[in-house]
Amino acid sequence: MKRRRLGRSGLQVSEICLGTMTFGSMADEATSLRILDRAFDAGVDFLDVAEIYPVPPDPKRAGLSEEIVGRWLADRPRDAVIVATKVAGPFGGWFPAVVRHGHTALDRHSIVRAVDASLRRLRTDYIDLYQTHWPDPELPIEETLEGLARVVEAGKVRAIGCSNESAYGLMKSLWAADVHALPRFEAIQNNFSLLNRRFEDALAEVCRRERVSLLAYSPIAGGMLSGKYLDDARPPGARFTFYAEHSPRTQAMARRFVNERTLETTRRLAAIAREAGTSPVTLAVAWCLAQDFVGAAIVGATDPEQLEASLAAASWALPDDVREACDRVTREIPYPMG
């Protein structure tokens, strides 16, 4: 498993990161612990959590993913694992703010309270990478960076990052950090895959020029790129099978990921993977890792076996002709997720 530095920070992480948003919902605790063991045994030392996980967010379960990771972490050398977690942004984001009774913000008070709560659930005295889960655009970014500076100076956080941010938002934060001598975002966690290449439109240039690492979430597009939804299939227990019946918010997400254009793109990419002698999941993750601005690809699972194809991407170098074939599909079907 190769390692990559995040931004300009001292953090060096496995290029595959284990996402945990299914822990406590689609994966029970026993299964989650087996997933953690399998990933760690394969060399994955980078874990991504959030205070609102698992998903779909529910006030009764918020923080459960951190608790499960914390129980697993207690039996490992703390320095052997890089732990990232997130503070919820203001109410009204894509995910509902199911913590602090909906009184969420990215101000100093909220950040300090959220960090302390995450530390308790994770059973640790520091967080390696602390991220804003989504922006707080009406709050001056200096307020957020000052709050993050407090927890960094207190030794509770090693480095900071953002998630679901725009090119303007990231660049504004970097400018404010420079001007006010505040900590800078070393990583940005955004959706990025062969079905959603919008990051390349502007954010990729910011990351290259400013040395900020992308933590690509949904590199297999929530399981879509595995091909399991082709031919109108709706596998029992699969994310978008569940989302299509859960709530208006998750139904909208299911329609975004599973539609005529994404299905046709997936069909073509699966053919490219077959010709290359690999699985479509391995192809999708390897394609993410081949981008020079990517610090890690965040993969998830609901059982340990699902990890195997993703883990295989760490030892499969994407051939130039395969990359060109993927680019042709993108040109023929641009922005399939809208």
C-alpha atoms as a PDB file:
ATOM      1  CA  MET A   1       0.000   0.000   0.000  1.00  0.00           C
ATOM      2  CA  LYS A   2       1.570   3.285  -1.124  1.00  0.00           C
ATOM      3  CA  ARG A   3       1.515   6.333   1.117  1.00  0.00           C
ATOM      4  CA  ARG A   4       0.916   9.955   0.188  1.00  0.00           C
ATOM      5  CA  ARG A   5       1.423  13.246   2.019  1.00  0.00           C
ATOM      6  CA  LEU A   6      -1.675  15.349   2.636  1.00  0.00           C
ATOM      7  CA  GLY A   7      -1.088  18.894   1.438  1.00  0.00           C
ATOM      8  CA  ARG A   8       1.837  20.525   3.197  1.00  0.00           C
ATOM      9  CA  SER A   9       1.114  18.755   6.477  1.00  0.00           C
ATOM     10  CA  GLY A  10       3.100  16.107   8.306  1.00  0.00           C
ATOM     11  CA  LEU A  11       0.367  13.541   7.656  1.00  0.00           C
ATOM     12  CA  GLN A  12       1.325  10.649   5.393  1.00  0.00           C
ATOM     13  CA  VAL A  13      -1.540   8.265   4.744  1.00  0.00           C
ATOM     14  CA  SER A  14      -2.338   5.099   2.851  1.00  0.00           C
ATOM     15  CA  GLU A  15      -3.592   6.029  -0.610  1.00  0.00           C
ATOM     16  CA  ILE A  16      -6.753   4.057   0.092  1.00  0.00           C
ATOM     17  CA  CYS A  17      -8.807   5.383   2.994  1.00  0.00           C
ATOM     18  CA  LEU A  18     -11.591   3.419   4.669  1.00  0.00           C
ATOM     19  CA  GLY A  19     -14.869   5.306   4.876  1.00  0.00           C
ATOM     20  CA  THR A  20     -17.107   4.384   7.800  1.00  0.00           C
ATOM     21  CA  MET A  21     -20.469   5.986   7.103  1.00  0.00           C
ATOM     22  CA  THR A  22     -22.169   2.556   6.914  1.00  0.00           C
ATOM     23  CA  PHE A  23     -20.954   1.549  10.378  1.00  0.00           C
ATOM     24  CA  GLY A  24     -23.982   1.212  12.618  1.00  0.00           C
ATOM     25  CA  SER A  25     -26.562   1.322   9.842  1.00  0.00           C
ATOM     26  CA  MET A  26     -25.969  -0.859   6.768  1.00  0.00           C
ATOM     27  CA  ALA A  27     -23.179  -2.689   8.626  1.00  0.00           C
ATOM     28  CA  ASP A  28     -23.723  -3.770  12.228  1.00  0.00           C
ATOM     29  CA  GLU A  29     -20.901  -3.454  14.751  1.00  0.00           C
ATOM     30  CA  ALA A  30     -19.556  -6.987  14.358  1.00  0.00           C
ATOM     31  CA  THR A  31     -19.418  -6.594  10.574  1.00  0.00           C
ATOM     32  CA  SER A  32     -17.878  -3.127  10.896  1.00  0.00           C
ATOM     33  CA  LEU A  33     -15.084  -4.493  13.079  1.00  0.00           C
ATOM     34  CA  ARG A  34     -14.331  -7.205  10.511  1.00  0.00           C
ATOM     35  CA  ILE A  35     -14.192  -4.559   7.777  1.00  0.00           C
ATOM     36  CA  LEU A  36     -11.759  -2.507   9.854  1.00  0.00           C
ATOM     37  CA  ASP A  37      -9.587  -5.564  10.484  1.00  0.00           C
ATOM     38  CA  ARG A  38      -9.482  -6.530   6.801  1.00  0.00           C
ATOM     39  CA  ALA A  39      -8.578  -3.012   5.677  1.00  0.00           C
ATOM     40  CA  PHE A  40      -5.881  -2.614   8.334  1.00  0.00           C
ATOM     41  CA  ASP A  41      -4.375  -6.000   7.499  1.00  0.00           C
ATOM     42  CA  ALA A  42      -4.149  -4.851   3.868  1.00  0.00           C
ATOM     43  CA  GLY A  43      -2.171  -1.748   4.828  1.00  0.00           C
ATOM     44  CA  VAL A  44      -5.007   0.785   5.072  1.00  0.00           C
ATOM     45  CA  ASP A  45      -4.098   3.018   8.011  1.00  0.00           C
ATOM     46  CA  PHE A  46      -6.360   5.978   7.135  1.00  0.00           C
ATOM     47  CA  LEU A  47      -9.953   6.067   8.470  1.00  0.00           C
ATOM     48  CA  ASP A  48     -12.627   8.659   7.716  1.00  0.00           C
ATOM     49  CA  VAL A  49     -15.541   9.270  10.088  1.00  0.00           C
ATOM     50  CA  ALA A  50     -17.941  12.142  10.919  1.00  0.00           C
ATOM     51  CA  GLU A  51     -19.922  13.220  13.942  1.00  0.00           C
ATOM     52  CA  ILE A  52     -23.229  12.671  12.105  1.00  0.00           C
ATOM     53  CA  TYR A  53     -22.418   9.151  10.823  1.00  0.00           C
ATOM     54  CA  PRO A  54     -23.865   6.643  10.098  1.00  0.00           C
ATOM     55  CA  VAL A  55     -26.001   7.590   7.122  1.00  0.00           C
ATOM     56  CA  PRO A  56     -28.754   8.264   6.466  1.00  0.00           C
ATOM     57  CA  PRO A  57     -28.329  10.655   9.427  1.00  0.00           C
ATOM     58  CA  ASP A  58     -30.587   9.998  12.400  1.00  0.00           C
ATOM     59  CA  PRO A  59     -30.461  11.837  15.750  1.00  0.00           C
ATOM     60  CA  LYS A  60     -30.718   8.507  17.600  1.00  0.00           C
ATOM     61  CA  ARG A  61     -27.652   7.071  15.836  1.00  0.00           C
ATOM     62  CA  ALA A  62     -25.456  10.137  15.323  1.00  0.00           C
ATOM     63  CA  GLY A  63     -21.943   9.429  16.512  1.00  0.00           C
ATOM     64  CA  LEU A  64     -22.342   5.649  16.420  1.00  0.00           C
ATOM     65  CA  SER A  65     -19.769   5.239  13.627  1.00  0.00           C
ATOM     66  CA  GLU A  66     -17.216   7.127  15.732  1.00  0.00           C
ATOM     67  CA  GLU A  67     -18.036   4.929  18.726  1.00  0.00           C
ATOM     68  CA  ILE A  68     -17.468   1.751  16.714  1.00  0.00           C
ATOM     69  CA  VAL A  69     -14.173   3.071  15.372  1.00  0.00           C
ATOM     70  CA  GLY A  70     -13.208   4.117  18.895  1.00  0.00           C
ATOM     71  CA  ARG A  71     -13.778   0.630  20.272  1.00  0.00           C
ATOM     72  CA  TRP A  72     -11.665  -0.832  17.456  1.00  0.00           C
ATOM     73  CA  LEU A  73      -8.993   1.839  17.869  1.00  0.00           C
ATOM     74  CA  ALA A  74      -8.613   1.085  21.574  1.00  0.00           C
ATOM     75  CA  ASP A  75      -6.966  -2.239  20.689  1.00  0.00           C
ATOM     76  CA  ARG A  76      -4.460  -0.733  18.222  1.00  0.00           C
ATOM     77  CA  PRO A  77      -1.339   1.415  18.684  1.00  0.00           C
ATOM     78  CA  ARG A  78      -2.743   4.934  18.311  1.00  0.00           C
ATOM     79  CA  ASP A  79       0.190   6.175  16.219  1.00  0.00           C
ATOM     80  CA  ALA A  80      -0.380   3.360  13.704  1.00  0.00           C
ATOM     81  CA  VAL A  81      -3.711   4.797  12.526  1.00  0.00           C
ATOM     82  CA  ILE A  82      -4.550   8.137  10.904  1.00  0.00           C
ATOM     83  CA  VAL A  83      -8.051   9.167  11.977  1.00  0.00           C
ATOM     84  CA  ALA A  84     -10.063  11.827  10.171  1.00  0.00           C
ATOM     85  CA  THR A  85     -13.448  13.053  11.312  1.00  0.00           C
ATOM     86  CA  LYS A  86     -15.735  16.013  10.607  1.00  0.00           C
ATOM     87  CA  VAL A  87     -17.766  18.751  12.247  1.00  0.00           C
ATOM     88  CA  ALA A  88     -21.247  19.335  10.814  1.00  0.00           C
ATOM     89  CA  GLY A  89     -21.973  22.582   9.017  1.00  0.00           C
ATOM     90  CA  PRO A  90     -25.129  24.684   9.466  1.00  0.00           C
ATOM     91  CA  PHE A  91     -28.599  23.187   9.315  1.00  0.00           C
ATOM     92  CA  GLY A  92     -29.899  22.942   5.767  1.00  0.00           C
ATOM     93  CA  GLY A  93     -27.065  21.081   4.064  1.00  0.00           C
ATOM     94  CA  TRP A  94     -27.459  17.933   1.985  1.00  0.00           C
ATOM     95  CA  PHE A  95     -27.256  15.917   5.193  1.00  0.00           C
ATOM     96  CA  PRO A  96     -29.580  17.145   7.957  1.00  0.00           C
ATOM     97  CA  ALA A  97     -27.763  18.460  11.021  1.00  0.00           C
ATOM     98  CA  VAL A  98     -28.717  15.740  13.505  1.00  0.00           C
ATOM     99  CA  VAL A  99     -26.345  16.824  16.285  1.00  0.00           C
ATOM    100  CA  ARG A 100     -26.617  19.635  18.845  1.00  0.00           C
ATOM    101  CA  HIS A 101     -30.387  19.694  18.278  1.00  0.00           C
ATOM    102  CA  GLY A 102     -29.871  21.265  14.855  1.00  0.00           C
ATOM    103  CA  HIS A 103     -27.924  24.240  16.241  1.00  0.00           C
ATOM    104  CA  THR A 104     -24.881  23.527  14.124  1.00  0.00           C
ATOM    105  CA  ALA A 105     -22.450  26.069  12.753  1.00  0.00           C
ATOM    106  CA  LEU A 106     -18.746  26.366  12.061  1.00  0.00           C
ATOM    107  CA  ASP A 107     -18.068  28.983  14.714  1.00  0.00           C
ATOM    108  CA  ARG A 108     -15.534  28.703  17.548  1.00  0.00           C
ATOM    109  CA  HIS A 109     -18.058  27.426  20.095  1.00  0.00           C
ATOM    110  CA  SER A 110     -19.431  24.657  17.867  1.00  0.00           C
ATOM    111  CA  ILE A 111     -15.989  23.496  16.764  1.00  0.00           C
ATOM    112  CA  VAL A 112     -14.669  23.159  20.318  1.00  0.00           C
ATOM    113  CA  ARG A 113     -17.774  21.279  21.473  1.00  0.00           C
ATOM    114  CA  ALA A 114     -17.758  19.004  18.430  1.00  0.00           C
ATOM    115  CA  VAL A 115     -14.068  18.139  18.756  1.00  0.00           C
ATOM    116  CA  ASP A 116     -14.423  17.225  22.422  1.00  0.00           C
ATOM    117  CA  ALA A 117     -17.449  15.021  21.705  1.00  0.00           C
ATOM    118  CA  SER A 118     -15.652  13.244  18.843  1.00  0.00           C
ATOM    119  CA  LEU A 119     -12.585  12.649  21.022  1.00  0.00           C
ATOM    120  CA  ARG A 120     -14.774  10.971  23.644  1.00  0.00           C
ATOM    121  CA  ARG A 121     -16.478   8.734  21.109  1.00  0.00           C
ATOM    122  CA  LEU A 122     -13.213   7.860  19.368  1.00  0.00           C
ATOM    123  CA  ARG A 123     -11.517   7.148  22.722  1.00  0.00           C
ATOM    124  CA  THR A 124      -8.453   9.136  21.770  1.00  0.00           C
ATOM    125  CA  ASP A 125      -6.781  12.373  22.825  1.00  0.00           C
ATOM    126  CA  TYR A 126      -6.157  13.707  19.335  1.00  0.00           C
ATOM    127  CA  ILE A 127      -7.615  13.692  15.813  1.00  0.00           C
ATOM    128  CA  ASP A 128      -5.185  13.550  12.914  1.00  0.00           C
ATOM    129  CA  LEU A 129      -7.329  15.371  10.332  1.00  0.00           C
ATOM    130  CA  TYR A 130     -10.355  17.459  11.330  1.00  0.00           C
ATOM    131  CA  GLN A 131     -12.646  18.573   8.510  1.00  0.00           C
ATOM    132  CA  THR A 132     -15.624  20.851   8.046  1.00  0.00           C
ATOM    133  CA  HIS A 133     -18.310  18.531   6.678  1.00  0.00           C
ATOM    134  CA  TRP A 134     -19.937  21.199   4.535  1.00  0.00           C
ATOM    135  CA  PRO A 135     -19.487  24.990   4.311  1.00  0.00           C
ATOM    136  CA  ASP A 136     -21.030  27.731   6.433  1.00  0.00           C
ATOM    137  CA  PRO A 137     -21.146  30.390   3.693  1.00  0.00           C
ATOM    138  CA  GLU A 138     -22.826  33.100   5.777  1.00  0.00           C
ATOM    139  CA  LEU A 139     -20.144  32.923   8.470  1.00  0.00           C
ATOM    140  CA  PRO A 140     -16.814  34.690   7.824  1.00  0.00           C
ATOM    141  CA  ILE A 141     -14.220  32.004   7.103  1.00  0.00           C
ATOM    142  CA  GLU A 142     -11.890  33.662   9.626  1.00  0.00           C
ATOM    143  CA  GLU A 143     -14.304  32.630  12.396  1.00  0.00           C
ATOM    144  CA  THR A 144     -14.086  28.999  11.318  1.00  0.00           C
ATOM    145  CA  LEU A 145     -10.306  29.044  10.930  1.00  0.00           C
ATOM    146  CA  GLU A 146      -9.894  30.698  14.340  1.00  0.00           C
ATOM    147  CA  GLY A 147     -12.006  27.970  15.919  1.00  0.00           C
ATOM    148  CA  LEU A 148      -9.926  25.320  14.196  1.00  0.00           C
ATOM    149  CA  ALA A 149      -6.725  27.103  15.283  1.00  0.00           C
ATOM    150  CA  ARG A 150      -7.826  26.756  18.923  1.00  0.00           C
ATOM    151  CA  VAL A 151      -8.137  22.975  18.735  1.00  0.00           C
ATOM    152  CA  VAL A 152      -4.875  22.679  16.805  1.00  0.00           C
ATOM    153  CA  GLU A 153      -3.030  24.797  19.384  1.00  0.00           C
ATOM    154  CA  ALA A 154      -4.586  22.701  22.179  1.00  0.00           C
ATOM    155  CA  GLY A 155      -3.050  19.576  20.641  1.00  0.00           C
ATOM    156  CA  LYS A 156      -6.444  18.033  19.927  1.00  0.00           C
ATOM    157  CA  VAL A 157      -6.067  18.215  16.118  1.00  0.00           C
ATOM    158  CA  ARG A 158      -2.988  17.784  13.931  1.00  0.00           C
ATOM    159  CA  ALA A 159      -4.225  19.160  10.581  1.00  0.00           C
ATOM    160  CA  ILE A 160      -7.449  20.550   9.138  1.00  0.00           C
ATOM    161  CA  GLY A 161      -9.432  20.101   5.956  1.00  0.00           C
ATOM    162  CA  CYS A 162     -12.778  20.861   4.371  1.00  0.00           C
ATOM    163  CA  SER A 163     -15.403  18.845   2.549  1.00  0.00           C
ATOM    164  CA  ASN A 164     -18.031  19.514  -0.119  1.00  0.00           C
ATOM    165  CA  GLU A 165     -16.388  22.863  -0.797  1.00  0.00           C
ATOM    166  CA  SER A 166     -16.283  24.976  -3.961  1.00  0.00           C
ATOM    167  CA  ALA A 167     -13.236  26.375  -5.736  1.00  0.00           C
ATOM    168  CA  TYR A 168     -14.122  29.845  -4.436  1.00  0.00           C
ATOM    169  CA  GLY A 169     -14.611  28.581  -0.887  1.00  0.00           C
ATOM    170  CA  LEU A 170     -11.323  26.713  -0.832  1.00  0.00           C
ATOM    171  CA  MET A 171      -9.352  29.584  -2.348  1.00  0.00           C
ATOM    172  CA  LYS A 172     -10.965  32.110   0.005  1.00  0.00           C
ATOM    173  CA  SER A 173     -10.025  29.971   3.011  1.00  0.00           C
ATOM    174  CA  LEU A 174      -6.412  29.636   1.850  1.00  0.00           C
ATOM    175  CA  TRP A 175      -6.185  33.404   1.342  1.00  0.00           C
ATOM    176  CA  ALA A 176      -7.620  34.055   4.827  1.00  0.00           C
ATOM    177  CA  ALA A 177      -5.208  31.572   6.382  1.00  0.00           C
ATOM    178  CA  ASP A 178      -2.256  33.328   4.738  1.00  0.00           C
ATOM    179  CA  VAL A 179      -3.398  36.838   5.639  1.00  0.00           C
ATOM    180  CA  HIS A 180      -4.288  36.090   9.267  1.00  0.00           C
ATOM    181  CA  ALA A 181      -1.572  33.485   9.999  1.00  0.00           C
ATOM    182  CA  LEU A 182      -4.167  30.780  10.660  1.00  0.00           C
ATOM    183  CA  PRO A 183      -4.052  27.035   9.904  1.00  0.00           C
ATOM    184  CA  ARG A 184      -4.737  26.182   6.264  1.00  0.00           C
ATOM    185  CA  PHE A 185      -6.893  23.434   4.839  1.00  0.00           C
ATOM    186  CA  GLU A 186      -4.483  20.683   3.807  1.00  0.00           C
ATOM    187  CA  ALA A 187      -7.159  18.483   2.237  1.00  0.00           C
ATOM    188  CA  ILE A 188     -10.542  18.762   0.604  1.00  0.00           C
ATOM    189  CA  GLN A 189     -12.975  15.860   0.619  1.00  0.00           C
ATOM    190  CA  ASN A 190     -15.325  16.018  -2.359  1.00  0.00           C
ATOM    191  CA  ASN A 191     -17.277  13.626  -4.546  1.00  0.00           C
ATOM    192  CA  PHE A 192     -15.062  12.456  -7.422  1.00  0.00           C
ATOM    193  CA  SER A 193     -15.380   9.491  -9.740  1.00  0.00           C
ATOM    194  CA  LEU A 194     -15.669   8.479 -13.369  1.00  0.00           C
ATOM    195  CA  LEU A 195     -19.341   9.422 -13.069  1.00  0.00           C
ATOM    196  CA  ASN A 196     -18.647  12.798 -11.479  1.00  0.00           C
ATOM    197  CA  ARG A 197     -15.556  14.597 -12.795  1.00  0.00           C
ATOM    198  CA  ARG A 198     -16.706  18.121 -11.936  1.00  0.00           C
ATOM    199  CA  PHE A 199     -13.757  18.500  -9.562  1.00  0.00           C
ATOM    200  CA  GLU A 200     -11.534  18.771 -12.623  1.00  0.00           C
ATOM    201  CA  ASP A 201     -13.341  21.907 -13.846  1.00  0.00           C
ATOM    202  CA  ALA A 202     -11.693  24.279 -11.339  1.00  0.00           C
ATOM    203  CA  LEU A 203     -10.871  22.644  -8.010  1.00  0.00           C
ATOM    204  CA  ALA A 204      -8.142  20.441  -9.461  1.00  0.00           C
ATOM    205  CA  GLU A 205      -6.166  23.520 -10.491  1.00  0.00           C
ATOM    206  CA  VAL A 206      -6.495  25.020  -7.000  1.00  0.00           C
ATOM    207  CA  CYS A 207      -5.262  21.771  -5.456  1.00  0.00           C
ATOM    208  CA  ARG A 208      -2.267  21.554  -7.787  1.00  0.00           C
ATOM    209  CA  ARG A 209      -1.187  25.159  -7.377  1.00  0.00           C
ATOM    210  CA  GLU A 210      -1.836  25.402  -3.629  1.00  0.00           C
ATOM    211  CA  ARG A 211      -0.759  21.859  -2.678  1.00  0.00           C
ATOM    212  CA  VAL A 212      -4.077  20.748  -1.232  1.00  0.00           C
ATOM    213  CA  SER A 213      -4.896  17.037  -1.459  1.00  0.00           C
ATOM    214  CA  LEU A 214      -8.234  15.706  -2.641  1.00  0.00           C
ATOM    215  CA  LEU A 215      -9.745  12.933  -0.570  1.00  0.00           C
ATOM    216  CA  ALA A 216     -12.032  11.479  -3.209  1.00  0.00           C
ATOM    217  CA  TYR A 217     -15.220  10.104  -1.749  1.00  0.00           C
ATOM    218  CA  SER A 218     -17.539   7.797  -3.691  1.00  0.00           C
ATOM    219  CA  PRO A 219     -14.808   6.748  -6.171  1.00  0.00           C
ATOM    220  CA  ILE A 220     -17.146   3.965  -7.290  1.00  0.00           C
ATOM    221  CA  ALA A 221     -20.123   6.353  -7.207  1.00  0.00           C
ATOM    222  CA  GLY A 222     -21.853   4.810  -4.219  1.00  0.00           C
ATOM    223  CA  GLY A 223     -21.515   1.342  -5.744  1.00  0.00           C
ATOM    224  CA  MET A 224     -22.958   2.380  -9.090  1.00  0.00           C
ATOM    225  CA  LEU A 225     -19.692   1.709 -10.962  1.00  0.00           C
ATOM    226  CA  SER A 226     -19.645  -1.884  -9.698  1.00  0.00           C
ATOM    227  CA  GLY A 227     -22.370  -2.546 -12.258  1.00  0.00           C
ATOM    228  CA  LYS A 228     -24.792  -3.954  -9.719  1.00  0.00           C
ATOM    229  CA  TYR A 229     -27.591  -1.608 -10.810  1.00  0.00           C
ATOM    230  CA  LEU A 230     -27.353  -2.454 -14.519  1.00  0.00           C
ATOM    231  CA  ASP A 231     -30.342  -3.996 -16.310  1.00  0.00           C
ATOM    232  CA  ASP A 232     -32.772  -2.413 -13.850  1.00  0.00           C
ATOM    233  CA  ALA A 233     -31.356  -4.438 -10.959  1.00  0.00           C
ATOM    234  CA  ARG A 234     -32.061  -3.214  -7.432  1.00  0.00           C
ATOM    235  CA  PRO A 235     -30.078  -5.540  -5.157  1.00  0.00           C
ATOM    236  CA  PRO A 236     -31.569  -6.036  -1.671  1.00  0.00           C
ATOM    237  CA  GLY A 237     -29.588  -4.109   0.937  1.00  0.00           C
ATOM    238  CA  ALA A 238     -27.781  -1.958  -1.643  1.00  0.00           C
ATOM    239  CA  ARG A 239     -27.509   1.755  -0.893  1.00  0.00           C
ATOM    240  CA  PHE A 240     -29.662   3.121  -3.700  1.00  0.00           C
ATOM    241  CA  THR A 241     -32.224   0.351  -3.301  1.00  0.00           C
ATOM    242  CA  PHE A 242     -32.623   1.562   0.272  1.00  0.00           C
ATOM    243  CA  TYR A 243     -32.353   5.271  -0.581  1.00  0.00           C
ATOM    244  CA  ALA A 244     -35.077   5.012  -3.232  1.00  0.00           C
ATOM    245  CA  GLU A 245     -37.560   4.100  -0.499  1.00  0.00           C
ATOM    246  CA  HIS A 246     -36.267   6.035   2.517  1.00  0.00           C
ATOM    247  CA  SER A 247     -37.050   9.760   2.232  1.00  0.00           C
ATOM    248  CA  PRO A 248     -37.445  12.501  -0.387  1.00  0.00           C
ATOM    249  CA  ARG A 249     -33.854  13.597   0.248  1.00  0.00           C
ATOM    250  CA  THR A 250     -32.353  10.144  -0.283  1.00  0.00           C
ATOM    251  CA  GLN A 251     -34.674   9.496  -3.220  1.00  0.00           C
ATOM    252  CA  ALA A 252     -33.245  12.587  -4.938  1.00  0.00           C
ATOM    253  CA  MET A 253     -29.734  11.260  -4.338  1.00  0.00           C
ATOM    254  CA  ALA A 254     -30.688   7.857  -5.767  1.00  0.00           C
ATOM    255  CA  ARG A 255     -32.023   9.517  -8.937  1.00  0.00           C
ATOM    256  CA  ARG A 256     -28.813  11.500  -9.297  1.00  0.00           C
ATOM    257  CA  PHE A 257     -26.621   8.417  -9.104  1.00  0.00           C
ATOM    258  CA  VAL A 258     -28.876   5.946 -10.951  1.00  0.00           C
ATOM    259  CA  ASN A 259     -30.252   7.352 -14.182  1.00  0.00           C
ATOM    260  CA  GLU A 260     -30.128   6.646 -17.906  1.00  0.00           C
ATOM    261  CA  ARG A 261     -26.832   8.475 -18.449  1.00  0.00           C
ATOM    262  CA  THR A 262     -25.017   6.985 -15.456  1.00  0.00           C
ATOM    263  CA  LEU A 263     -26.200   3.508 -16.411  1.00  0.00           C
ATOM    264  CA  GLU A 264     -24.918   3.861 -19.978  1.00  0.00           C
ATOM    265  CA  THR A 265     -21.598   5.266 -18.738  1.00  0.00           C
ATOM    266  CA  THR A 266     -21.275   2.381 -16.296  1.00  0.00           C
ATOM    267  CA  ARG A 267     -22.055  -0.134 -19.034  1.00  0.00           C
ATOM    268  CA  ARG A 268     -19.259   1.242 -21.228  1.00  0.00           C
ATOM    269  CA  LEU A 269     -16.747   1.416 -18.383  1.00  0.00           C
ATOM    270  CA  ALA A 270     -17.539  -2.169 -17.383  1.00  0.00           C
ATOM    271  CA  ALA A 271     -16.666  -3.231 -20.943  1.00  0.00           C
ATOM    272  CA  ILE A 272     -13.341  -1.356 -20.680  1.00  0.00           C
ATOM    273  CA  ALA A 273     -12.600  -3.118 -17.393  1.00  0.00           C
ATOM    274  CA  ARG A 274     -13.355  -6.544 -18.886  1.00  0.00           C
ATOM    275  CA  GLU A 275     -11.036  -5.867 -21.802  1.00  0.00           C
ATOM    276  CA  ALA A 276      -8.310  -4.759 -19.363  1.00  0.00           C
ATOM    277  CA  GLY A 277      -8.750  -7.953 -17.352  1.00  0.00           C
ATOM    278  CA  THR A 278      -9.869  -6.303 -14.129  1.00  0.00           C
ATOM    279  CA  SER A 279     -13.080  -5.553 -12.249  1.00  0.00           C
ATOM    280  CA  PRO A 280     -14.978  -2.289 -12.821  1.00  0.00           C
ATOM    281  CA  VAL A 281     -14.464  -1.424  -9.134  1.00  0.00           C
ATOM    282  CA  THR A 282     -10.693  -1.852  -9.379  1.00  0.00           C
ATOM    283  CA  LEU A 283     -10.690   0.248 -12.538  1.00  0.00           C
ATOM    284  CA  ALA A 284     -12.717   3.031 -10.919  1.00  0.00           C
ATOM    285  CA  VAL A 285     -10.542   3.262  -7.802  1.00  0.00           C
ATOM    286  CA  ALA A 286      -7.289   2.984  -9.781  1.00  0.00           C
ATOM    287  CA  TRP A 287      -8.482   5.782 -12.081  1.00  0.00           C
ATOM    288  CA  CYS A 288      -8.986   8.040  -9.041  1.00  0.00           C
ATOM    289  CA  LEU A 289      -5.558   7.199  -7.672  1.00  0.00           C
ATOM    290  CA  ALA A 290      -3.964   8.023 -11.024  1.00  0.00           C
ATOM    291  CA  GLN A 291      -4.928  11.716 -10.704  1.00  0.00           C
ATOM    292  CA  ASP A 292      -2.019  13.843  -9.487  1.00  0.00           C
ATOM    293  CA  PHE A 293      -4.143  15.947  -7.113  1.00  0.00           C
ATOM    294  CA  VAL A 294      -5.602  12.963  -5.222  1.00  0.00           C
ATOM    295  CA  GLY A 295      -4.260  12.231  -1.751  1.00  0.00           C
ATOM    296  CA  ALA A 296      -6.462   9.192  -1.130  1.00  0.00           C
ATOM    297  CA  ALA A 297      -9.546   7.443  -2.454  1.00  0.00           C
ATOM    298  CA  ILE A 298     -12.148   6.789   0.246  1.00  0.00           C
ATOM    299  CA  VAL A 299     -13.773   3.385  -0.156  1.00  0.00           C
ATOM    300  CA  GLY A 300     -16.557   1.896   1.895  1.00  0.00           C
ATOM    301  CA  ALA A 301     -18.171  -1.476   2.398  1.00  0.00           C
ATOM    302  CA  THR A 302     -21.051  -3.243   4.105  1.00  0.00           C
ATOM    303  CA  ASP A 303     -19.114  -6.518   4.381  1.00  0.00           C
ATOM    304  CA  PRO A 304     -15.383  -7.346   4.240  1.00  0.00           C
ATOM    305  CA  GLU A 305     -15.616  -9.127   0.897  1.00  0.00           C
ATOM    306  CA  GLN A 306     -16.695  -5.912  -0.812  1.00  0.00           C
ATOM    307  CA  LEU A 307     -13.300  -4.394  -0.001  1.00  0.00           C
ATOM    308  CA  GLU A 308     -11.276  -6.800  -2.130  1.00  0.00           C
ATOM    309  CA  ALA A 309     -11.810  -5.180  -5.537  1.00  0.00           C
ATOM    310  CA  SER A 310     -11.090  -1.718  -4.107  1.00  0.00           C
ATOM    311  CA  LEU A 311      -7.945  -2.887  -2.335  1.00  0.00           C
ATOM    312  CA  ALA A 312      -6.720  -4.450  -5.578  1.00  0.00           C
ATOM    313  CA  ALA A 313      -6.482  -0.953  -7.095  1.00  0.00           C
ATOM    314  CA  ALA A 314      -3.460  -0.229  -4.896  1.00  0.00           C
ATOM    315  CA  SER A 315      -1.421  -2.778  -6.838  1.00  0.00           C
ATOM    316  CA  TRP A 316      -2.875  -2.195 -10.319  1.00  0.00           C
ATOM    317  CA  ALA A 317      -1.337   0.648 -12.315  1.00  0.00           C
ATOM    318  CA  LEU A 318      -3.814   2.214 -14.721  1.00  0.00           C
ATOM    319  CA  PRO A 319      -2.514   1.645 -18.303  1.00  0.00           C
ATOM    320  CA  ASP A 320      -2.414   4.685 -20.581  1.00  0.00           C
ATOM    321  CA  ASP A 321      -4.746   3.106 -23.139  1.00  0.00           C
ATOM    322  CA  VAL A 322      -7.312   2.334 -20.436  1.00  0.00           C
ATOM    323  CA  ARG A 323      -7.154   5.890 -19.153  1.00  0.00           C
ATOM    324  CA  GLU A 324      -7.678   7.184 -22.708  1.00  0.00           C
ATOM    325  CA  ALA A 325     -10.653   4.853 -23.172  1.00  0.00           C
ATOM    326  CA  CYS A 326     -12.225   6.208 -19.961  1.00  0.00           C
ATOM    327  CA  ASP A 327     -11.675   9.764 -21.191  1.00  0.00           C
ATOM    328  CA  ARG A 328     -13.482   8.928 -24.446  1.00  0.00           C
ATOM    329  CA  VAL A 329     -16.527   7.780 -22.473  1.00  0.00           C
ATOM    330  CA  THR A 330     -16.474  11.067 -20.535  1.00  0.00           C
ATOM    331  CA  ARG A 331     -16.347  13.098 -23.757  1.00  0.00           C
ATOM    332  CA  GLU A 332     -19.251  11.144 -25.229  1.00  0.00           C
ATOM    333  CA  ILE A 333     -21.385  11.300 -22.063  1.00  0.00           C
ATOM    334  CA  PRO A 334     -20.310  14.421 -20.137  1.00  0.00           C
ATOM    335  CA  TYR A 335     -21.616  15.040 -16.600  1.00  0.00           C
ATOM    336  CA  PRO A 336     -23.847  11.960 -16.347  1.00  0.00           C
ATOM    337  CA  MET A 337     -24.792  12.852 -12.768  1.00  0.00           C
ATOM    338  CA  GLY A 338     -25.846  16.339 -13.842  1.00  0.00           C
END
